[in-house]
Amino acid sequence: MQVSANRVWRHLPNEIRVAASQLVWAEAKGQEKQLLIASLAKAKNLREVFVRKSPIERLVNWTAATLSLPDPIVDDLLKQYLLHDHLAVIISFLDSLNIPHSKGMIEENFDYATLSKERVQEAARGLLTSSDRTGADLYLKYLAVQGGPWAGIEEVLPAGE
């Protein structure tokens, strides 16, 4: 079964969804914040002005409880959470593949064509044996959603999400 950002989000424990939501709402500005507000208003069938004036705690809880948000929002929620709470997992994976990065973010000029499916899958298998199994599992699912050179990761993920 294909991994999607929303599928990953729905299967996360509520405390992780809350933590991810707190991070995103703390950093959200401008257009990103407006997209969050509009998406929550639509999902909760509320007026945008009501959502915009709601306290941050309510916004966090609504976001965490909303199990179907636009993929770009869910993607950002997952990315921010992983970079904040599981950076060591990300760095370990990227280092195992000799991918240049800055604090877990792959350098823009990196040539993904240098990654073979077998190398990526082997690194993924290795990461699944790490002490932070929750972070490793979530990071690999996040990468699988991204597709491209990461698409083969889905084949090594444990069955049953």
Protein backbone atom coordinates (compact mmCIF):
# COMPACT_ATOMS: atom_id res chain seq x y z
CA MET A 1 0.00 0.00 0.00
CA GLN A 2 1.45 3.34 -1.03
CA VAL A 3 2.61 5.69 1.69
CA SER A 4 1.09 9.18 1.65
CA ALA A 5 1.73 12.14 3.95
CA ASN A 6 -1.84 12.02 5.24
CA ARG A 7 -1.64 8.26 5.86
CA VAL A 8 1.54 8.77 7.89
CA TRP A 9 -0.12 11.64 9.79
CA ARG A 10 -3.25 9.62 10.58
CA HIS A 11 -1.20 6.74 12.01
CA LEU A 12 0.88 8.92 14.35
CA PRO A 13 0.06 8.93 18.05
CA ASN A 14 -1.81 12.07 19.10
CA GLU A 15 1.11 13.32 21.23
CA ILE A 16 3.38 13.38 18.15
CA ARG A 17 0.72 15.19 16.09
CA VAL A 18 0.38 17.74 18.93
CA ALA A 19 4.17 18.22 19.13
CA ALA A 20 4.40 18.69 15.35
CA SER A 21 1.47 21.13 15.39
CA GLN A 22 3.05 23.17 18.18
CA LEU A 23 6.27 23.51 16.19
CA VAL A 24 4.53 24.60 13.01
CA TRP A 25 2.19 27.11 14.70
CA ALA A 26 5.12 28.60 16.63
CA GLU A 27 6.97 29.25 13.36
CA ALA A 28 4.11 29.91 10.91
CA LYS A 29 4.18 33.33 9.24
CA GLY A 30 2.53 35.04 6.30
CA GLN A 31 1.27 32.85 3.50
CA GLU A 32 2.08 29.62 5.36
CA LYS A 33 -0.01 30.76 8.34
CA GLN A 34 -2.87 31.82 6.07
CA LEU A 35 -2.85 28.42 4.35
CA LEU A 36 -2.98 26.70 7.75
CA ILE A 37 -5.90 28.90 8.85
CA ALA A 38 -7.83 28.35 5.61
CA SER A 39 -7.24 24.59 5.72
CA LEU A 40 -8.37 24.31 9.33
CA ALA A 41 -11.42 26.47 8.70
CA LYS A 42 -12.41 24.23 5.79
CA ALA A 43 -11.72 20.99 7.68
CA LYS A 44 -13.62 22.15 10.77
CA ASN A 45 -16.36 23.93 8.80
CA LEU A 46 -15.60 27.24 10.52
CA ARG A 47 -15.17 30.79 9.29
CA GLU A 48 -11.56 31.80 8.70
CA VAL A 49 -11.91 34.88 10.91
CA PHE A 50 -12.93 32.65 13.84
CA VAL A 51 -9.93 30.38 13.30
CA ARG A 52 -7.58 33.37 12.91
CA LYS A 53 -8.72 34.80 16.26
CA SER A 54 -8.51 31.48 18.11
CA PRO A 55 -5.83 30.98 20.78
CA ILE A 56 -2.70 29.07 19.76
CA GLU A 57 -3.57 26.13 22.04
CA ARG A 58 -6.86 25.64 20.19
CA LEU A 59 -5.13 25.90 16.80
CA VAL A 60 -2.57 23.29 17.86
CA ASN A 61 -5.25 20.90 19.08
CA TRP A 62 -7.41 21.40 15.97
CA THR A 63 -4.42 20.77 13.73
CA ALA A 64 -3.42 17.63 15.62
CA ALA A 65 -6.99 16.31 15.54
CA THR A 66 -7.52 17.01 11.82
CA LEU A 67 -6.60 13.80 10.05
CA SER A 68 -6.98 15.07 6.51
CA LEU A 69 -5.10 18.25 5.65
CA PRO A 70 -3.56 19.30 2.33
CA ASP A 71 -0.41 17.29 1.62
CA PRO A 72 1.93 20.33 1.65
CA ILE A 73 0.78 21.18 5.19
CA VAL A 74 1.15 17.62 6.43
CA ASP A 75 4.54 17.39 4.73
CA ASP A 76 5.67 20.52 6.58
CA LEU A 77 4.27 19.26 9.90
CA LEU A 78 6.24 16.02 9.53
CA LYS A 79 9.42 17.76 8.35
CA GLN A 80 9.44 20.29 11.20
CA TYR A 81 8.79 17.58 13.79
CA LEU A 82 11.54 15.33 12.42
CA LEU A 83 14.09 18.15 12.23
CA HIS A 84 13.29 19.23 15.78
CA ASP A 85 12.84 15.90 17.60
CA HIS A 86 14.77 13.37 15.51
CA LEU A 87 17.64 15.30 13.95
CA ALA A 88 20.18 12.64 15.00
CA VAL A 89 18.28 10.02 12.98
CA ILE A 90 18.29 12.24 9.90
CA ILE A 91 21.98 13.02 10.21
CA SER A 92 22.83 9.35 10.73
CA PHE A 93 20.94 8.37 7.57
CA LEU A 94 22.40 11.14 5.42
CA ASP A 95 25.92 10.46 6.70
CA SER A 96 25.55 6.74 5.96
CA LEU A 97 24.86 7.70 2.33
CA ASN A 98 27.60 10.38 2.26
CA ILE A 99 25.01 13.03 1.41
CA PRO A 100 26.18 16.58 2.15
CA HIS A 101 23.79 18.40 4.46
CA SER A 102 23.45 21.27 6.86
CA LYS A 103 21.61 20.35 10.07
CA GLY A 104 19.71 17.58 8.32
CA MET A 105 18.78 19.59 5.23
CA ILE A 106 20.32 18.16 2.03
CA GLU A 107 22.48 20.66 0.16
CA GLU A 108 20.74 22.00 -2.95
CA ASN A 109 23.51 21.04 -5.35
CA PHE A 110 23.48 17.35 -4.35
CA ASP A 111 23.08 15.04 -7.35
CA TYR A 112 20.41 12.48 -6.40
CA ALA A 113 21.36 10.43 -9.47
CA THR A 114 24.38 9.21 -7.49
CA LEU A 115 22.07 7.26 -5.17
CA SER A 116 21.24 3.73 -6.20
CA LYS A 117 18.06 2.07 -4.99
CA GLU A 118 20.13 -0.66 -3.33
CA ARG A 119 22.31 1.83 -1.42
CA VAL A 120 19.26 3.74 -0.18
CA GLN A 121 17.51 0.54 0.88
CA GLU A 122 20.60 -0.72 2.71
CA ALA A 123 20.92 2.58 4.57
CA ALA A 124 17.20 2.41 5.42
CA ARG A 125 17.58 -1.13 6.79
CA GLY A 126 20.50 0.05 8.90
CA LEU A 127 18.51 3.00 10.22
CA LEU A 128 15.66 0.71 11.29
CA THR A 129 18.07 -0.94 13.74
CA SER A 130 18.86 2.38 15.47
CA SER A 131 17.95 3.05 19.08
CA ASP A 132 15.42 5.71 17.98
CA ARG A 133 13.12 3.28 16.19
CA THR A 134 10.16 5.69 16.27
CA GLY A 135 12.18 8.47 14.66
CA ALA A 136 13.76 6.11 12.13
CA ASP A 137 10.40 4.65 11.09
CA LEU A 138 8.78 8.07 10.76
CA TYR A 139 11.74 9.56 8.85
CA LEU A 140 11.82 6.67 6.38
CA LYS A 141 8.07 6.96 5.80
CA TYR A 142 8.52 10.71 5.28
CA LEU A 143 11.24 10.05 2.69
CA ALA A 144 9.15 7.39 0.93
CA VAL A 145 6.36 9.97 0.52
CA GLN A 146 8.86 12.27 -1.23
CA GLY A 147 9.38 9.69 -3.99
CA GLY A 148 12.27 10.04 -6.40
CA PRO A 149 15.42 8.38 -5.07
CA TRP A 150 13.57 7.52 -1.85
CA ALA A 151 10.75 5.53 -3.47
CA GLY A 152 12.51 2.20 -2.85
CA ILE A 153 12.43 2.78 0.90
CA GLU A 154 8.78 1.73 0.98
CA GLU A 155 9.89 -1.82 0.11
CA VAL A 156 11.97 -2.12 3.30
CA LEU A 157 9.46 -0.56 5.69
CA PRO A 158 7.83 -2.97 8.13
CA ALA A 159 4.37 -4.08 6.99
CA GLY A 160 1.31 -2.83 8.77
CA GLU A 161 2.16 0.87 9.29
